[in-house]
C-alpha atoms as a PDB file:
ATOM      1  CA  MET A   1     125.706 111.810 108.149  1.00  0.00           C
ATOM      2  CA  ILE A   2     123.064 114.563 108.249  1.00  0.00           C
ATOM      3  CA  ARG A   3     125.927 117.603 106.869  1.00  0.00           C
ATOM      4  CA  GLU A   4     126.417 115.246 103.760  1.00  0.00           C
ATOM      5  CA  PHE A   5     122.834 115.416 102.950  1.00  0.00           C
ATOM      6  CA  HIS A   6     122.271 117.231  99.433  1.00  0.00           C
ATOM      7  CA  LEU A   7     118.964 118.772  98.612  1.00  0.00           C
ATOM      8  CA  ALA A   8     118.207 115.935  96.151  1.00  0.00           C
ATOM      9  CA  ASP A   9     118.197 113.732  99.007  1.00  0.00           C
ATOM     10  CA  TRP A  10     115.410 115.244 101.227  1.00  0.00           C
ATOM     11  CA  PHE A  11     113.474 113.984  98.275  1.00  0.00           C
ATOM     12  CA  ALA A  12     114.472 110.990  97.623  1.00  0.00           C
ATOM     13  CA  LEU A  13     113.735 110.065 101.402  1.00  0.00           C
ATOM     14  CA  GLY A  14     110.456 111.468 101.092  1.00  0.00           C
ATOM     15  CA  ASN A  15     109.941 109.041  97.756  1.00  0.00           C
ATOM     16  CA  ALA A  16     111.269 106.481  99.937  1.00  0.00           C
ATOM     17  CA  ALA A  17     108.643 107.009 102.630  1.00  0.00           C
ATOM     18  CA  CYS A  18     105.986 107.538 100.166  1.00  0.00           C
ATOM     19  CA  SER A  19     106.247 104.561  98.293  1.00  0.00           C
ATOM     20  CA  THR A  20     106.745 102.511 101.579  1.00  0.00           C
ATOM     21  CA  GLY A  21     103.383 103.925 103.288  1.00  0.00           C
ATOM     22  CA  ALA A  22     102.028 103.296  99.572  1.00  0.00           C
ATOM     23  CA  LEU A  23     103.062  99.577 100.185  1.00  0.00           C
ATOM     24  CA  PHE A  24     101.987  99.385 103.936  1.00  0.00           C
ATOM     25  CA  SER A  25      98.312 101.405 103.013  1.00  0.00           C
ATOM     26  CA  THR A  26      97.847  98.348 100.153  1.00  0.00           C
ATOM     27  CA  MET A  27      98.406  95.644 102.841  1.00  0.00           C
ATOM     28  CA  SER A  28      96.472  97.510 105.371  1.00  0.00           C
ATOM     29  CA  TYR A  29      93.233  96.774 102.415  1.00  0.00           C
ATOM     30  CA  LEU A  30      94.405  93.393 101.563  1.00  0.00           C
ATOM     31  CA  GLU A  31      93.824  92.695 104.845  1.00  0.00           C
ATOM     32  CA  THR A  32      90.827  95.121 106.073  1.00  0.00           C
ATOM     33  CA  ASP A  33      89.140  95.729 103.144  1.00  0.00           C
ATOM     34  CA  PRO A  34      88.008  99.202 103.668  1.00  0.00           C
ATOM     35  CA  VAL A  35      88.298 101.473 100.570  1.00  0.00           C
ATOM     36  CA  ARG A  36      90.237 104.193 102.033  1.00  0.00           C
ATOM     37  CA  HIS A  37      93.481 102.698 102.376  1.00  0.00           C
ATOM     38  CA  ILE A  38      93.524 102.173  98.384  1.00  0.00           C
ATOM     39  CA  TYR A  39      92.699 105.804  97.819  1.00  0.00           C
ATOM     40  CA  ILE A  40      95.416 107.134 100.684  1.00  0.00           C
ATOM     41  CA  ALA A  41      97.989 104.239  98.964  1.00  0.00           C
ATOM     42  CA  GLY A  42      97.195 105.812  94.875  1.00  0.00           C
ATOM     43  CA  SER A  43      97.514 108.979  96.180  1.00  0.00           C
ATOM     44  CA  LEU A  44     101.187 108.438  98.247  1.00  0.00           C
ATOM     45  CA  ILE A  45     102.183 106.235  94.786  1.00  0.00           C
ATOM     46  CA  ILE A  46     101.645 109.656  92.925  1.00  0.00           C
ATOM     47  CA  ALA A  47     103.479 111.678  95.448  1.00  0.00           C
ATOM     48  CA  THR A  48     106.461 109.200  95.093  1.00  0.00           C
ATOM     49  CA  PHE A  49     106.081 109.937  91.240  1.00  0.00           C
ATOM     50  CA  VAL A  50     106.242 113.574  91.777  1.00  0.00           C
ATOM     51  CA  PHE A  51     109.448 113.045  94.443  1.00  0.00           C
ATOM     52  CA  ASP A  52     111.068 111.179  92.344  1.00  0.00           C
ATOM     53  CA  ILE A  53     110.846 113.551  88.886  1.00  0.00           C
ATOM     54  CA  LEU A  54     111.892 116.040  91.458  1.00  0.00           C
ATOM     55  CA  ASP A  55     114.754 114.196  92.908  1.00  0.00           C
ATOM     56  CA  GLY A  56     116.295 113.818  89.396  1.00  0.00           C
ATOM     57  CA  ARG A  57     115.424 117.196  88.541  1.00  0.00           C
ATOM     58  CA  ILE A  58     117.778 118.930  91.605  1.00  0.00           C
ATOM     59  CA  ALA A  59     120.079 116.482  91.429  1.00  0.00           C
ATOM     60  CA  ARG A  60     121.103 117.149  87.617  1.00  0.00           C
ATOM     61  CA  TRP A  61     120.416 120.939  88.423  1.00  0.00           C
ATOM     62  CA  ARG A  62     122.936 120.744  91.119  1.00  0.00           C
ATOM     63  CA  GLN A  63     125.091 118.613  89.487  1.00  0.00           C
ATOM     64  CA  LYS A  64     125.054 116.260  92.817  1.00  0.00           C
ATOM     65  CA  SER A  65     124.177 112.779  93.429  1.00  0.00           C
ATOM     66  CA  SER A  66     124.644 110.512  96.561  1.00  0.00           C
ATOM     67  CA  GLN A  67     124.847 107.102  97.426  1.00  0.00           C
ATOM     68  CA  GLN A  68     122.208 108.051  99.870  1.00  0.00           C
ATOM     69  CA  ALA A  69     119.904 108.977  97.056  1.00  0.00           C
ATOM     70  CA  MET A  70     120.633 106.280  95.056  1.00  0.00           C
ATOM     71  CA  ARG A  71     119.836 103.682  97.641  1.00  0.00           C
ATOM     72  CA  CYS A  72     116.659 105.525  98.766  1.00  0.00           C
ATOM     73  CA  ALA A  73     115.641 105.032  94.623  1.00  0.00           C
ATOM     74  CA  THR A  74     116.027 101.572  95.046  1.00  0.00           C
ATOM     75  CA  VAL A  75     114.008 100.950  98.067  1.00  0.00           C
ATOM     76  CA  SER A  76     111.469 103.343  96.802  1.00  0.00           C
ATOM     77  CA  GLY A  77     111.341 101.199  93.326  1.00  0.00           C
ATOM     78  CA  ALA A  78     111.068  98.143  94.964  1.00  0.00           C
ATOM     79  CA  ALA A  79     108.249  99.001  97.511  1.00  0.00           C
ATOM     80  CA  ASN A  80     106.215 100.548  94.116  1.00  0.00           C
ATOM     81  CA  SER A  81     106.901  97.340  92.284  1.00  0.00           C
ATOM     82  CA  ILE A  82     105.338  94.956  95.426  1.00  0.00           C
ATOM     83  CA  SER A  83     102.406  97.749  96.087  1.00  0.00           C
ATOM     84  CA  SER A  84     101.272  98.021  92.040  1.00  0.00           C
ATOM     85  CA  ALA A  85     101.572  93.513  92.194  1.00  0.00           C
ATOM     86  CA  LEU A  86      99.559  93.415  95.238  1.00  0.00           C
ATOM     87  CA  HIS A  87      96.595  96.599  93.611  1.00  0.00           C
ATOM     88  CA  SER A  88      96.841  94.529  90.841  1.00  0.00           C
ATOM     89  CA  ILE A  89      96.000  91.442  92.581  1.00  0.00           C
ATOM     90  CA  ARG A  90      93.339  92.485  94.330  1.00  0.00           C
ATOM     91  CA  TRP A  91      91.961  93.683  91.377  1.00  0.00           C
ATOM     92  CA  CYS A  92      91.799  90.648  89.913  1.00  0.00           C
ATOM     93  CA  CYS A  93      90.443  88.535  92.538  1.00  0.00           C
ATOM     94  CA  PHE A  94      87.522  91.484  92.878  1.00  0.00           C
ATOM     95  CA  MET A  95      87.227  90.808  89.294  1.00  0.00           C
ATOM     96  CA  LEU A  96      87.011  86.891  88.914  1.00  0.00           C
ATOM     97  CA  SER A  97      84.871  86.543  92.012  1.00  0.00           C
ATOM     98  CA  PRO A  98      81.485  84.783  91.847  1.00  0.00           C
ATOM     99  CA  ALA A  99      79.777  87.628  93.779  1.00  0.00           C
ATOM    100  CA  HIS A 100      80.883  90.182  91.317  1.00  0.00           C
END
């Protein structure tokens, strides 16, 4: 299976790893509340965006795509959507809290 990997597949795996890490970091923030988890999640979301761009450009440049890259893109897209939704929910709860 490793022999079948293309260069773009490694960037797709980086994309999926960063988006999953952002999701877990956001969940850690919701559970424990240190702000550093939000900073980590935000930087991982930016890294996911960069990996996604590089993955697509490399696949088009080399004119090769794979099923593995498509699966990783699906997983990372779902994790990014969930992480962004959790960010939004936390922000709304913070803004609507009576202490604020």
